[in-house]
PDB file of N, CA and C in Angstrom:
ATOM      1  N   MET A   1       0.678  -1.333  -0.012  1.00  0.00           N
ATOM      2  CA  MET A   1      -0.108  -0.005  -0.049  1.00  0.00           C
ATOM      3  C   MET A   1       0.923   1.255  -0.148  1.00  0.00           C
ATOM      4  N   ARG A   2       1.923   1.050   0.782  1.00  0.00           N
ATOM      5  CA  ARG A   2       2.811   2.419   0.717  1.00  0.00           C
ATOM      6  C   ARG A   2       3.435   2.791  -0.744  1.00  0.00           C
ATOM      7  N   VAL A   3       3.656   1.680  -1.526  1.00  0.00           N
ATOM      8  CA  VAL A   3       4.103   2.153  -2.871  1.00  0.00           C
ATOM      9  C   VAL A   3       3.129   2.973  -3.807  1.00  0.00           C
ATOM     10  N   ARG A   4       1.893   2.418  -3.369  1.00  0.00           N
ATOM     11  CA  ARG A   4       0.945   3.065  -4.285  1.00  0.00           C
ATOM     12  C   ARG A   4       0.264   4.504  -3.841  1.00  0.00           C
ATOM     13  N   ALA A   5       0.661   4.760  -2.598  1.00  0.00           N
ATOM     14  CA  ALA A   5       0.071   6.076  -2.113  1.00  0.00           C
ATOM     15  C   ALA A   5       0.702   7.303  -2.745  1.00  0.00           C
ATOM     16  N   PRO A   6       1.973   7.376  -2.960  1.00  0.00           N
ATOM     17  CA  PRO A   6       2.526   8.588  -3.507  1.00  0.00           C
ATOM     18  C   PRO A   6       1.984   8.602  -5.289  1.00  0.00           C
ATOM     19  N   GLU A   7       1.835   7.537  -5.793  1.00  0.00           N
ATOM     20  CA  GLU A   7       1.721   7.188  -7.065  1.00  0.00           C
ATOM     21  C   GLU A   7       0.043   8.114  -7.197  1.00  0.00           C
ATOM     22  N   ILE A   8      -0.700   7.621  -6.132  1.00  0.00           N
ATOM     23  CA  ILE A   8      -2.137   8.224  -6.215  1.00  0.00           C
ATOM     24  C   ILE A   8      -2.390   9.637  -6.292  1.00  0.00           C
ATOM     25  N   GLY A   9      -1.397  10.309  -5.114  1.00  0.00           N
ATOM     26  CA  GLY A   9      -1.169  11.471  -4.777  1.00  0.00           C
ATOM     27  C   GLY A   9      -0.480  12.498  -5.870  1.00  0.00           C
ATOM     28  N   ILE A  10       0.279  11.780  -6.813  1.00  0.00           N
ATOM     29  CA  ILE A  10       0.830  12.543  -8.047  1.00  0.00           C
ATOM     30  C   ILE A  10      -0.285  12.433  -8.957  1.00  0.00           C
ATOM     31  N   ARG A  11      -1.218  11.633  -9.070  1.00  0.00           N
ATOM     32  CA  ARG A  11      -2.294  11.500 -10.162  1.00  0.00           C
ATOM     33  C   ARG A  11      -3.065  12.575  -9.575  1.00  0.00           C
ATOM     34  N   ARG A  12      -3.697  12.556  -8.463  1.00  0.00           N
ATOM     35  CA  ARG A  12      -4.575  13.530  -7.694  1.00  0.00           C
ATOM     36  C   ARG A  12      -4.209  15.079  -8.061  1.00  0.00           C
ATOM     37  N   PHE A  13      -2.892  15.287  -7.739  1.00  0.00           N
ATOM     38  CA  PHE A  13      -2.266  16.520  -7.903  1.00  0.00           C
ATOM     39  C   PHE A  13      -2.350  17.105  -9.518  1.00  0.00           C
ATOM     40  N   SER A  14      -2.040  16.032 -10.385  1.00  0.00           N
ATOM     41  CA  SER A  14      -1.860  16.164 -11.915  1.00  0.00           C
ATOM     42  C   SER A  14      -3.543  16.566 -12.375  1.00  0.00           C
ATOM     43  N   LEU A  15      -4.240  15.825 -11.692  1.00  0.00           N
ATOM     44  CA  LEU A  15      -5.689  15.922 -12.217  1.00  0.00           C
ATOM     45  C   LEU A  15      -6.307  17.480 -11.706  1.00  0.00           C
ATOM     46  N   PHE A  16      -5.895  17.803 -10.510  1.00  0.00           N
ATOM     47  CA  PHE A  16      -6.207  19.122  -9.821  1.00  0.00           C
ATOM     48  C   PHE A  16      -5.689  20.068 -10.601  1.00  0.00           C
ATOM     49  N   LYS A  17      -4.669  19.810 -11.103  1.00  0.00           N
ATOM     50  CA  LYS A  17      -3.981  21.080 -12.086  1.00  0.00           C
ATOM     51  C   LYS A  17      -4.464  21.197 -13.199  1.00  0.00           C
ATOM     52  N   ARG A  18      -4.888  19.916 -13.944  1.00  0.00           N
ATOM     53  CA  ARG A  18      -5.395  20.225 -15.175  1.00  0.00           C
ATOM     54  C   ARG A  18      -7.134  20.879 -14.876  1.00  0.00           C
ATOM     55  N   ILE A  19      -7.580  20.766 -13.846  1.00  0.00           N
ATOM     56  CA  ILE A  19      -8.921  20.994 -13.659  1.00  0.00           C
ATOM     57  C   ILE A  19      -8.738  22.656 -13.239  1.00  0.00           C
ATOM     58  N   ALA A  20      -7.994  22.876 -12.656  1.00  0.00           N
ATOM     59  CA  ALA A  20      -7.828  24.386 -12.058  1.00  0.00           C
ATOM     60  C   ALA A  20      -7.321  25.281 -13.312  1.00  0.00           C
ATOM     61  N   THR A  21      -6.439  24.778 -14.132  1.00  0.00           N
ATOM     62  CA  THR A  21      -6.097  25.316 -15.412  1.00  0.00           C
ATOM     63  C   THR A  21      -7.005  25.659 -16.055  1.00  0.00           C
ATOM     64  N   THR A  22      -7.792  24.647 -16.589  1.00  0.00           N
ATOM     65  CA  THR A  22      -9.579  24.739 -17.285  1.00  0.00           C
ATOM     66  C   THR A  22     -10.190  25.874 -16.795  1.00  0.00           C
ATOM     67  N   VAL A  23     -10.608  25.842 -15.609  1.00  0.00           N
ATOM     68  CA  VAL A  23     -11.394  26.847 -14.804  1.00  0.00           C
ATOM     69  C   VAL A  23     -10.655  28.208 -15.004  1.00  0.00           C
ATOM     70  N   ALA A  24      -9.587  28.159 -14.810  1.00  0.00           N
ATOM     71  CA  ALA A  24      -8.966  29.482 -14.918  1.00  0.00           C
ATOM     72  C   ALA A  24      -9.073  30.078 -16.461  1.00  0.00           C
ATOM     73  N   ILE A  25      -8.985  29.216 -17.176  1.00  0.00           N
ATOM     74  CA  ILE A  25      -9.170  29.683 -18.787  1.00  0.00           C
ATOM     75  C   ILE A  25     -10.378  30.092 -19.115  1.00  0.00           C
ATOM     76  N   ILE A  26     -11.483  29.193 -18.656  1.00  0.00           N
ATOM     77  CA  ILE A  26     -13.057  29.692 -18.797  1.00  0.00           C
ATOM     78  C   ILE A  26     -13.486  30.727 -18.136  1.00  0.00           C
ATOM     79  N   VAL A  27     -12.882  31.084 -16.896  1.00  0.00           N
ATOM     80  CA  VAL A  27     -13.104  32.230 -16.108  1.00  0.00           C
ATOM     81  C   VAL A  27     -12.695  33.476 -16.958  1.00  0.00           C
ATOM     82  N   ALA A  28     -11.547  33.355 -17.231  1.00  0.00           N
ATOM     83  CA  ALA A  28     -10.901  34.717 -18.084  1.00  0.00           C
ATOM     84  C   ALA A  28     -11.476  34.887 -19.380  1.00  0.00           C
ATOM     85  N   SER A  29     -11.927  33.950 -19.964  1.00  0.00           N
ATOM     86  CA  SER A  29     -12.879  34.078 -21.156  1.00  0.00           C
ATOM     87  C   SER A  29     -14.152  34.987 -21.101  1.00  0.00           C
ATOM     88  N   LEU A  30     -14.739  34.359 -19.845  1.00  0.00           N
ATOM     89  CA  LEU A  30     -15.795  34.849 -19.452  1.00  0.00           C
ATOM     90  C   LEU A  30     -15.630  36.327 -19.220  1.00  0.00           C
ATOM     91  N   ALA A  31     -14.767  36.332 -18.255  1.00  0.00           N
ATOM     92  CA  ALA A  31     -14.572  38.135 -17.924  1.00  0.00           C
ATOM     93  C   ALA A  31     -14.242  38.968 -19.009  1.00  0.00           C
ATOM     94  N   GLY A  32     -13.427  38.288 -19.752  1.00  0.00           N
ATOM     95  CA  GLY A  32     -13.204  39.099 -21.216  1.00  0.00           C
ATOM     96  C   GLY A  32     -14.253  39.631 -22.115  1.00  0.00           C
ATOM     97  N   SER A  33     -15.151  38.456 -22.256  1.00  0.00           N
ATOM     98  CA  SER A  33     -16.395  38.961 -22.887  1.00  0.00           C
ATOM     99  C   SER A  33     -17.254  39.745 -22.162  1.00  0.00           C
ATOM    100  N   ALA A  34     -17.413  39.571 -21.053  1.00  0.00           N
ATOM    101  CA  ALA A  34     -18.347  40.686 -19.931  1.00  0.00           C
ATOM    102  C   ALA A  34     -17.745  42.017 -20.227  1.00  0.00           C
ATOM    103  N   VAL A  35     -16.491  42.313 -19.973  1.00  0.00           N
ATOM    104  CA  VAL A  35     -15.967  43.684 -20.247  1.00  0.00           C
ATOM    105  C   VAL A  35     -16.064  43.982 -21.617  1.00  0.00           C
ATOM    106  N   ALA A  36     -16.164  43.361 -22.557  1.00  0.00           N
ATOM    107  CA  ALA A  36     -16.239  43.719 -24.114  1.00  0.00           C
ATOM    108  C   ALA A  36     -17.773  44.126 -24.223  1.00  0.00           C
ATOM    109  N   ALA A  37     -18.871  43.615 -23.306  1.00  0.00           N
ATOM    110  CA  ALA A  37     -20.118  43.881 -23.540  1.00  0.00           C
ATOM    111  C   ALA A  37     -20.694  44.646 -22.999  1.00  0.00           C
ATOM    112  N   THR A  38     -19.808  45.252 -21.769  1.00  0.00           N
ATOM    113  CA  THR A  38     -20.330  46.610 -21.255  1.00  0.00           C
ATOM    114  C   THR A  38     -20.548  47.857 -21.928  1.00  0.00           C
ATOM    115  N   PRO A  39     -22.065  47.956 -22.107  1.00  0.00           N
ATOM    116  CA  PRO A  39     -22.059  49.586 -22.929  1.00  0.00           C
ATOM    117  C   PRO A  39     -21.438  50.519 -22.369  1.00  0.00           C
ATOM    118  N   ALA A  40     -21.822  50.883 -21.265  1.00  0.00           N
ATOM    119  CA  ALA A  40     -21.473  52.269 -20.665  1.00  0.00           C
ATOM    120  C   ALA A  40     -19.789  52.270 -20.972  1.00  0.00           C
ATOM    121  N   GLN A  41     -18.857  51.233 -20.764  1.00  0.00           N
ATOM    122  CA  GLN A  41     -17.674  51.870 -21.058  1.00  0.00           C
ATOM    123  C   GLN A  41     -17.081  51.616 -22.165  1.00  0.00           C
ATOM    124  N   ALA A  42     -17.698  50.855 -23.462  1.00  0.00           N
ATOM    125  CA  ALA A  42     -17.544  50.810 -24.530  1.00  0.00           C
ATOM    126  C   ALA A  42     -15.813  50.784 -24.743  1.00  0.00           C
ATOM    127  N   CYS A  43     -15.235  49.818 -24.015  1.00  0.00           N
ATOM    128  CA  CYS A  43     -13.821  49.934 -24.164  1.00  0.00           C
ATOM    129  C   CYS A  43     -13.075  49.785 -25.278  1.00  0.00           C
ATOM    130  N   CYS A  44     -13.802  48.940 -26.223  1.00  0.00           N
ATOM    131  CA  CYS A  44     -12.981  48.641 -27.497  1.00  0.00           C
ATOM    132  C   CYS A  44     -13.412  49.154 -28.923  1.00  0.00           C
ATOM    133  N   VAL A  45     -14.166  50.377 -28.464  1.00  0.00           N
ATOM    134  CA  VAL A  45     -14.734  50.768 -29.905  1.00  0.00           C
ATOM    135  C   VAL A  45     -14.608  52.452 -29.765  1.00  0.00           C
ATOM    136  N   VAL A  46     -13.674  52.980 -30.437  1.00  0.00           N
ATOM    137  CA  VAL A  46     -13.377  54.455 -30.348  1.00  0.00           C
ATOM    138  C   VAL A  46     -14.824  55.143 -30.882  1.00  0.00           C
ATOM    139  N   PRO A  47     -15.295  56.076 -30.221  1.00  0.00           N
ATOM    140  CA  PRO A  47     -16.465  56.749 -30.753  1.00  0.00           C
ATOM    141  C   PRO A  47     -16.092  57.474 -32.182  1.00  0.00           C
ATOM    142  N   GLU A  48     -17.394  57.298 -33.182  1.00  0.00           N
ATOM    143  CA  GLU A  48     -17.171  57.903 -34.513  1.00  0.00           C
ATOM    144  C   GLU A  48     -17.628  59.418 -34.055  1.00  0.00           C
ATOM    145  N   HIS A  49     -16.569  60.336 -34.604  1.00  0.00           N
ATOM    146  CA  HIS A  49     -16.785  61.747 -34.475  1.00  0.00           C
ATOM    147  C   HIS A  49     -18.266  62.127 -35.191  1.00  0.00           C
ATOM    148  N   ALA A  50     -18.971  62.827 -34.354  1.00  0.00           N
ATOM    149  CA  ALA A  50     -20.014  63.476 -34.821  1.00  0.00           C
ATOM    150  C   ALA A  50     -20.294  64.976 -33.948  1.00  0.00           C
ATOM    151  N   ILE A  51     -21.295  65.694 -34.227  1.00  0.00           N
ATOM    152  CA  ILE A  51     -21.665  67.040 -33.711  1.00  0.00           C
ATOM    153  C   ILE A  51     -23.113  66.756 -33.054  1.00  0.00           C
ATOM    154  N   ILE A  52     -23.450  67.762 -32.152  1.00  0.00           N
ATOM    155  CA  ILE A  52     -24.836  67.954 -31.659  1.00  0.00           C
ATOM    156  C   ILE A  52     -25.549  68.962 -33.213  1.00  0.00           C
ATOM    157  N   VAL A  53     -26.727  68.623 -33.521  1.00  0.00           N
ATOM    158  CA  VAL A  53     -27.431  69.056 -34.522  1.00  0.00           C
ATOM    159  C   VAL A  53     -28.758  69.829 -34.033  1.00  0.00           C
ATOM    160  N   CYS A  54     -29.065  69.531 -32.647  1.00  0.00           N
ATOM    161  CA  CYS A  54     -30.126  70.308 -32.256  1.00  0.00           C
ATOM    162  C   CYS A  54     -29.618  71.491 -31.747  1.00  0.00           C
ATOM    163  N   GLN A  55     -30.514  72.625 -31.516  1.00  0.00           N
ATOM    164  CA  GLN A  55     -30.098  73.749 -30.847  1.00  0.00           C
ATOM    165  C   GLN A  55     -29.631  73.527 -29.259  1.00  0.00           C
ATOM    166  N   SER A  56     -30.296  72.651 -28.780  1.00  0.00           N
ATOM    167  CA  SER A  56     -29.685  72.359 -27.360  1.00  0.00           C
ATOM    168  C   SER A  56     -29.888  71.206 -26.945  1.00  0.00           C
ATOM    169  N   ALA A  57     -29.096  70.192 -26.513  1.00  0.00           N
ATOM    170  CA  ALA A  57     -29.684  68.906 -25.904  1.00  0.00           C
ATOM    171  C   ALA A  57     -29.098  68.619 -24.535  1.00  0.00           C
ATOM    172  N   SER A  58     -29.773  68.170 -23.752  1.00  0.00           N
ATOM    173  CA  SER A  58     -29.495  67.859 -22.433  1.00  0.00           C
ATOM    174  C   SER A  58     -28.607  66.424 -22.353  1.00  0.00           C
ATOM    175  N   PHE A  59     -27.838  66.326 -21.437  1.00  0.00           N
ATOM    176  CA  PHE A  59     -26.793  65.574 -21.618  1.00  0.00           C
ATOM    177  C   PHE A  59     -26.912  64.607 -20.340  1.00  0.00           C
ATOM    178  N   TYR A  60     -27.093  63.221 -19.919  1.00  0.00           N
ATOM    179  CA  TYR A  60     -27.350  62.856 -18.431  1.00  0.00           C
ATOM    180  C   TYR A  60     -26.291  61.744 -18.158  1.00  0.00           C
ATOM    181  N   ALA A  61     -26.199  61.446 -17.192  1.00  0.00           N
ATOM    182  CA  ALA A  61     -25.214  60.527 -16.696  1.00  0.00           C
ATOM    183  C   ALA A  61     -25.432  58.907 -16.795  1.00  0.00           C
ATOM    184  N   ASN A  62     -26.704  58.579 -16.969  1.00  0.00           N
ATOM    185  CA  ASN A  62     -26.984  57.323 -17.116  1.00  0.00           C
ATOM    186  C   ASN A  62     -28.591  57.277 -17.849  1.00  0.00           C
ATOM    187  N   TYR A  63     -28.965  56.021 -18.061  1.00  0.00           N
ATOM    188  CA  TYR A  63     -30.102  55.878 -18.795  1.00  0.00           C
ATOM    189  C   TYR A  63     -30.870  54.601 -17.954  1.00  0.00           C
ATOM    190  N   ASN A  64     -32.009  54.695 -17.053  1.00  0.00           N
ATOM    191  CA  ASN A  64     -32.781  53.874 -16.371  1.00  0.00           C
ATOM    192  C   ASN A  64     -33.790  53.377 -17.360  1.00  0.00           C
ATOM    193  N   SER A  65     -33.957  52.111 -17.624  1.00  0.00           N
ATOM    194  CA  SER A  65     -34.952  51.530 -18.570  1.00  0.00           C
ATOM    195  C   SER A  65     -36.324  51.750 -17.939  1.00  0.00           C
ATOM    196  N   SER A  66     -36.369  51.787 -16.628  1.00  0.00           N
ATOM    197  CA  SER A  66     -37.827  52.039 -16.412  1.00  0.00           C
ATOM    198  C   SER A  66     -38.308  53.637 -16.214  1.00  0.00           C
ATOM    199  N   SER A  67     -37.438  54.444 -15.987  1.00  0.00           N
ATOM    200  CA  SER A  67     -37.501  55.680 -15.748  1.00  0.00           C
ATOM    201  C   SER A  67     -37.141  56.669 -16.905  1.00  0.00           C
ATOM    202  N   GLY A  68     -36.208  56.142 -17.703  1.00  0.00           N
ATOM    203  CA  GLY A  68     -35.708  57.099 -18.551  1.00  0.00           C
ATOM    204  C   GLY A  68     -34.127  57.732 -18.234  1.00  0.00           C
ATOM    205  N   PRO A  69     -33.878  58.901 -18.813  1.00  0.00           N
ATOM    206  CA  PRO A  69     -32.369  59.284 -18.426  1.00  0.00           C
ATOM    207  C   PRO A  69     -32.293  59.734 -16.929  1.00  0.00           C
ATOM    208  N   VAL A  70     -31.482  59.767 -16.297  1.00  0.00           N
ATOM    209  CA  VAL A  70     -31.183  60.033 -14.928  1.00  0.00           C
ATOM    210  C   VAL A  70     -29.766  60.820 -14.707  1.00  0.00           C
ATOM    211  N   GLY A  71     -29.987  61.544 -13.783  1.00  0.00           N
ATOM    212  CA  GLY A  71     -28.490  62.301 -13.535  1.00  0.00           C
ATOM    213  C   GLY A  71     -28.169  63.347 -14.453  1.00  0.00           C
ATOM    214  N   TYR A  72     -28.961  64.336 -14.462  1.00  0.00           N
ATOM    215  CA  TYR A  72     -28.857  65.317 -15.827  1.00  0.00           C
ATOM    216  C   TYR A  72     -27.316  66.024 -14.900  1.00  0.00           C
ATOM    217  N   MET A  73     -26.394  66.323 -16.217  1.00  0.00           N
ATOM    218  CA  MET A  73     -25.172  66.860 -16.153  1.00  0.00           C
ATOM    219  C   MET A  73     -24.867  68.297 -16.644  1.00  0.00           C
ATOM    220  N   TYR A  74     -25.589  68.361 -17.845  1.00  0.00           N
ATOM    221  CA  TYR A  74     -25.247  69.829 -18.449  1.00  0.00           C
ATOM    222  C   TYR A  74     -25.789  69.738 -19.830  1.00  0.00           C
ATOM    223  N   THR A  75     -25.954  70.779 -20.316  1.00  0.00           N
ATOM    224  CA  THR A  75     -26.639  70.963 -21.648  1.00  0.00           C
ATOM    225  C   THR A  75     -25.610  71.197 -22.921  1.00  0.00           C
ATOM    226  N   LEU A  76     -25.639  70.495 -24.005  1.00  0.00           N
ATOM    227  CA  LEU A  76     -24.732  70.660 -25.299  1.00  0.00           C
ATOM    228  C   LEU A  76     -25.591  71.293 -26.325  1.00  0.00           C
ATOM    229  N   TYR A  77     -24.618  71.914 -27.041  1.00  0.00           N
ATOM    230  CA  TYR A  77     -25.217  73.049 -27.754  1.00  0.00           C
ATOM    231  C   TYR A  77     -24.819  72.629 -29.268  1.00  0.00           C
ATOM    232  N   TYR A  78     -25.585  73.131 -30.383  1.00  0.00           N
ATOM    233  CA  TYR A  78     -25.485  73.112 -31.673  1.00  0.00           C
ATOM    234  C   TYR A  78     -23.861  73.186 -32.056  1.00  0.00           C
ATOM    235  N   GLY A  79     -23.234  72.276 -32.611  1.00  0.00           N
ATOM    236  CA  GLY A  79     -21.709  72.136 -33.057  1.00  0.00           C
ATOM    237  C   GLY A  79     -20.899  71.425 -32.023  1.00  0.00           C
ATOM    238  N   ASN A  80     -21.622  71.462 -30.769  1.00  0.00           N
ATOM    239  CA  ASN A  80     -20.584  70.599 -29.831  1.00  0.00           C
ATOM    240  C   ASN A  80     -19.990  69.195 -30.529  1.00  0.00           C
ATOM    241  N   LYS A  81     -18.749  69.103 -30.211  1.00  0.00           N
ATOM    242  CA  LYS A  81     -18.220  67.971 -30.722  1.00  0.00           C
ATOM    243  C   LYS A  81     -18.336  66.701 -29.984  1.00  0.00           C
ATOM    244  N   VAL A  82     -18.797  65.452 -30.353  1.00  0.00           N
ATOM    245  CA  VAL A  82     -19.326  64.311 -29.544  1.00  0.00           C
ATOM    246  C   VAL A  82     -18.916  63.075 -30.232  1.00  0.00           C
ATOM    247  N   GLY A  83     -19.080  62.029 -29.590  1.00  0.00           N
ATOM    248  CA  GLY A  83     -18.894  60.507 -30.578  1.00  0.00           C
ATOM    249  C   GLY A  83     -20.144  59.650 -29.973  1.00  0.00           C
ATOM    250  N   HIS A  84     -20.373  58.832 -31.054  1.00  0.00           N
ATOM    251  CA  HIS A  84     -21.020  57.774 -30.677  1.00  0.00           C
ATOM    252  C   HIS A  84     -20.901  56.786 -32.133  1.00  0.00           C
ATOM    253  N   THR A  85     -20.556  55.625 -31.907  1.00  0.00           N
ATOM    254  CA  THR A  85     -20.264  54.805 -32.920  1.00  0.00           C
ATOM    255  C   THR A  85     -21.540  53.917 -33.059  1.00  0.00           C
ATOM    256  N   ARG A  86     -22.488  54.172 -34.459  1.00  0.00           N
ATOM    257  CA  ARG A  86     -23.614  53.558 -34.740  1.00  0.00           C
ATOM    258  C   ARG A  86     -23.286  52.114 -34.684  1.00  0.00           C
ATOM    259  N   GLY A  87     -24.206  51.185 -34.180  1.00  0.00           N
ATOM    260  CA  GLY A  87     -24.078  49.928 -34.359  1.00  0.00           C
ATOM    261  C   GLY A  87     -23.277  49.283 -33.079  1.00  0.00           C
ATOM    262  N   ALA A  88     -22.523  50.093 -32.275  1.00  0.00           N
ATOM    263  CA  ALA A  88     -21.529  49.484 -31.365  1.00  0.00           C
ATOM    264  C   ALA A  88     -21.990  50.131 -30.081  1.00  0.00           C
ATOM    265  N   HIS A  89     -22.303  51.308 -30.025  1.00  0.00           N
ATOM    266  CA  HIS A  89     -22.677  52.054 -28.841  1.00  0.00           C
ATOM    267  C   HIS A  89     -24.184  51.816 -28.409  1.00  0.00           C
ATOM    268  N   PRO A  90     -24.838  51.645 -27.533  1.00  0.00           N
ATOM    269  CA  PRO A  90     -26.233  51.574 -27.282  1.00  0.00           C
ATOM    270  C   PRO A  90     -27.178  52.677 -27.543  1.00  0.00           C
ATOM    271  N   VAL A  91     -28.430  52.249 -27.729  1.00  0.00           N
ATOM    272  CA  VAL A  91     -29.422  53.464 -28.043  1.00  0.00           C
ATOM    273  C   VAL A  91     -30.503  52.677 -27.410  1.00  0.00           C
ATOM    274  N   TYR A  92     -31.075  53.380 -26.107  1.00  0.00           N
ATOM    275  CA  TYR A  92     -32.117  53.005 -25.384  1.00  0.00           C
ATOM    276  C   TYR A  92     -33.228  53.915 -25.663  1.00  0.00           C
ATOM    277  N   ASN A  93     -34.333  53.261 -26.008  1.00  0.00           N
ATOM    278  CA  ASN A  93     -35.836  54.255 -26.369  1.00  0.00           C
ATOM    279  C   ASN A  93     -35.139  55.613 -27.022  1.00  0.00           C
ATOM    280  N   GLY A  94     -34.176  55.740 -27.833  1.00  0.00           N
ATOM    281  CA  GLY A  94     -34.173  57.124 -28.594  1.00  0.00           C
ATOM    282  C   GLY A  94     -32.916  57.654 -27.780  1.00  0.00           C
ATOM    283  N   TRP A  95     -32.269  57.192 -26.663  1.00  0.00           N
ATOM    284  CA  TRP A  95     -31.415  57.862 -25.940  1.00  0.00           C
ATOM    285  C   TRP A  95     -29.965  57.133 -26.004  1.00  0.00           C
ATOM    286  N   ALA A  96     -29.024  57.776 -26.914  1.00  0.00           N
ATOM    287  CA  ALA A  96     -27.726  57.119 -27.219  1.00  0.00           C
ATOM    288  C   ALA A  96     -26.475  57.345 -26.328  1.00  0.00           C
ATOM    289  N   ALA A  97     -25.921  56.236 -26.090  1.00  0.00           N
ATOM    290  CA  ALA A  97     -24.805  56.270 -25.265  1.00  0.00           C
ATOM    291  C   ALA A  97     -23.697  57.381 -25.971  1.00  0.00           C
ATOM    292  N   THR A  98     -23.070  58.479 -25.452  1.00  0.00           N
ATOM    293  CA  THR A  98     -22.458  59.509 -26.529  1.00  0.00           C
ATOM    294  C   THR A  98     -21.264  59.591 -25.342  1.00  0.00           C
ATOM    295  N   PHE A  99     -20.171  60.184 -26.105  1.00  0.00           N
ATOM    296  CA  PHE A  99     -19.056  60.794 -25.587  1.00  0.00           C
ATOM    297  C   PHE A  99     -19.048  61.959 -25.820  1.00  0.00           C
ATOM    298  N   ASP A 100     -18.729  62.953 -24.777  1.00  0.00           N
ATOM    299  CA  ASP A 100     -18.454  64.388 -24.918  1.00  0.00           C
ATOM    300  C   ASP A 100     -17.147  64.563 -25.078  1.00  0.00           C
ATOM    301  N   PHE A 101     -16.361  65.092 -26.294  1.00  0.00           N
ATOM    302  CA  PHE A 101     -14.987  65.246 -26.117  1.00  0.00           C
ATOM    303  C   PHE A 101     -14.583  66.433 -25.408  1.00  0.00           C
ATOM    304  N   GLY A 102     -15.301  67.375 -25.380  1.00  0.00           N
ATOM    305  CA  GLY A 102     -14.892  68.516 -24.298  1.00  0.00           C
ATOM    306  C   GLY A 102     -14.413  68.244 -22.920  1.00  0.00           C
ATOM    307  N   PRO A 103     -15.188  67.679 -22.115  1.00  0.00           N
ATOM    308  CA  PRO A 103     -14.654  67.419 -20.984  1.00  0.00           C
ATOM    309  C   PRO A 103     -14.312  65.775 -20.995  1.00  0.00           C
ATOM    310  N   ASN A 104     -14.383  64.917 -21.879  1.00  0.00           N
ATOM    311  CA  ASN A 104     -14.009  63.558 -21.763  1.00  0.00           C
ATOM    312  C   ASN A 104     -14.873  63.183 -20.974  1.00  0.00           C
ATOM    313  N   VAL A 105     -16.317  62.678 -21.332  1.00  0.00           N
ATOM    314  CA  VAL A 105     -17.228  62.485 -19.995  1.00  0.00           C
ATOM    315  C   VAL A 105     -18.166  61.433 -21.349  1.00  0.00           C
ATOM    316  N   TRP A 106     -18.561  60.248 -20.778  1.00  0.00           N
ATOM    317  CA  TRP A 106     -19.718  59.313 -21.242  1.00  0.00           C
ATOM    318  C   TRP A 106     -20.994  59.870 -20.595  1.00  0.00           C
ATOM    319  N   GLY A 107     -21.998  59.898 -21.613  1.00  0.00           N
ATOM    320  CA  GLY A 107     -23.233  60.294 -21.005  1.00  0.00           C
ATOM    321  C   GLY A 107     -24.444  59.879 -22.114  1.00  0.00           C
ATOM    322  N   TYR A 108     -25.576  60.069 -21.934  1.00  0.00           N
ATOM    323  CA  TYR A 108     -26.565  59.934 -22.898  1.00  0.00           C
ATOM    324  C   TYR A 108     -27.494  61.137 -23.235  1.00  0.00           C
ATOM    325  N   VAL A 109     -27.370  61.191 -24.883  1.00  0.00           N
ATOM    326  CA  VAL A 109     -28.409  62.330 -25.209  1.00  0.00           C
ATOM    327  C   VAL A 109     -29.183  61.567 -26.355  1.00  0.00           C
ATOM    328  N   ARG A 110     -30.083  62.536 -26.935  1.00  0.00           N
ATOM    329  CA  ARG A 110     -31.238  62.035 -27.795  1.00  0.00           C
ATOM    330  C   ARG A 110     -30.536  61.786 -29.044  1.00  0.00           C
ATOM    331  N   TYR A 111     -30.819  60.607 -29.678  1.00  0.00           N
ATOM    332  CA  TYR A 111     -30.021  60.157 -30.729  1.00  0.00           C
ATOM    333  C   TYR A 111     -30.401  60.841 -31.927  1.00  0.00           C
ATOM    334  N   GLU A 112     -31.695  61.580 -32.103  1.00  0.00           N
ATOM    335  CA  GLU A 112     -31.795  62.561 -33.091  1.00  0.00           C
ATOM    336  C   GLU A 112     -30.939  63.809 -33.130  1.00  0.00           C
ATOM    337  N   CYS A 113     -30.287  64.168 -32.053  1.00  0.00           N
ATOM    338  CA  CYS A 113     -29.829  65.387 -31.780  1.00  0.00           C
ATOM    339  C   CYS A 113     -27.988  64.992 -32.133  1.00  0.00           C
ATOM    340  N   LEU A 114     -27.692  63.941 -32.665  1.00  0.00           N
ATOM    341  CA  LEU A 114     -26.401  63.419 -33.172  1.00  0.00           C
ATOM    342  C   LEU A 114     -26.469  63.611 -34.724  1.00  0.00           C
ATOM    343  N   GLY A 115     -25.204  64.290 -35.021  1.00  0.00           N
ATOM    344  CA  GLY A 115     -25.078  64.258 -36.645  1.00  0.00           C
ATOM    345  C   GLY A 115     -23.909  64.687 -37.333  1.00  0.00           C
ATOM    346  N   GLY A 116     -23.848  65.035 -38.326  1.00  0.00           N
ATOM    347  CA  GLY A 116     -22.495  65.695 -38.853  1.00  0.00           C
ATOM    348  C   GLY A 116     -21.592  64.330 -38.855  1.00  0.00           C
ATOM    349  N   TRP A 117     -21.908  62.982 -39.229  1.00  0.00           N
ATOM    350  CA  TRP A 117     -21.318  62.076 -38.757  1.00  0.00           C
ATOM    351  C   TRP A 117     -19.610  62.104 -39.622  1.00  0.00           C
ATOM    352  N   GLY A 118     -18.200  61.970 -38.835  1.00  0.00           N
ATOM    353  CA  GLY A 118     -17.047  62.187 -39.459  1.00  0.00           C
ATOM    354  C   GLY A 118     -16.700  63.438 -40.162  1.00  0.00           C
ATOM    355  N   SER A 119     -17.503  64.527 -39.661  1.00  0.00           N
ATOM    356  CA  SER A 119     -17.030  65.920 -40.020  1.00  0.00           C
ATOM    357  C   SER A 119     -16.196  66.746 -39.222  1.00  0.00           C
ATOM    358  N   TRP A 120     -15.460  66.070 -38.197  1.00  0.00           N
ATOM    359  CA  TRP A 120     -14.326  66.852 -37.915  1.00  0.00           C
ATOM    360  C   TRP A 120     -13.242  65.470 -37.697  1.00  0.00           C
TER     361      TRP A 120
END
């Protein structure tokens, strides 16, 4: 029996090591996909240049699906340089995740107030 005990211990350690490596790979890949899918951060997509085409547009910190935009920050005016990549950054009920290039802040503005795509 004493001869087999170290052999079993080595097998268990090897199996444990393989399981731990597999779990680490799965967790890392899931974490990577979760980060890429986070809409507010939009980490991997550079915002497409646009401008505000409305006379004025309220800029909010966040969007709540039940109550609409929340956390009024300030007003953007015609010609302010912003960014939003169509198809990559989210639009919820007409409110688009937008990057304000002035103070470098993410927020939400009405999608119809975005225009002049690629104009600067």
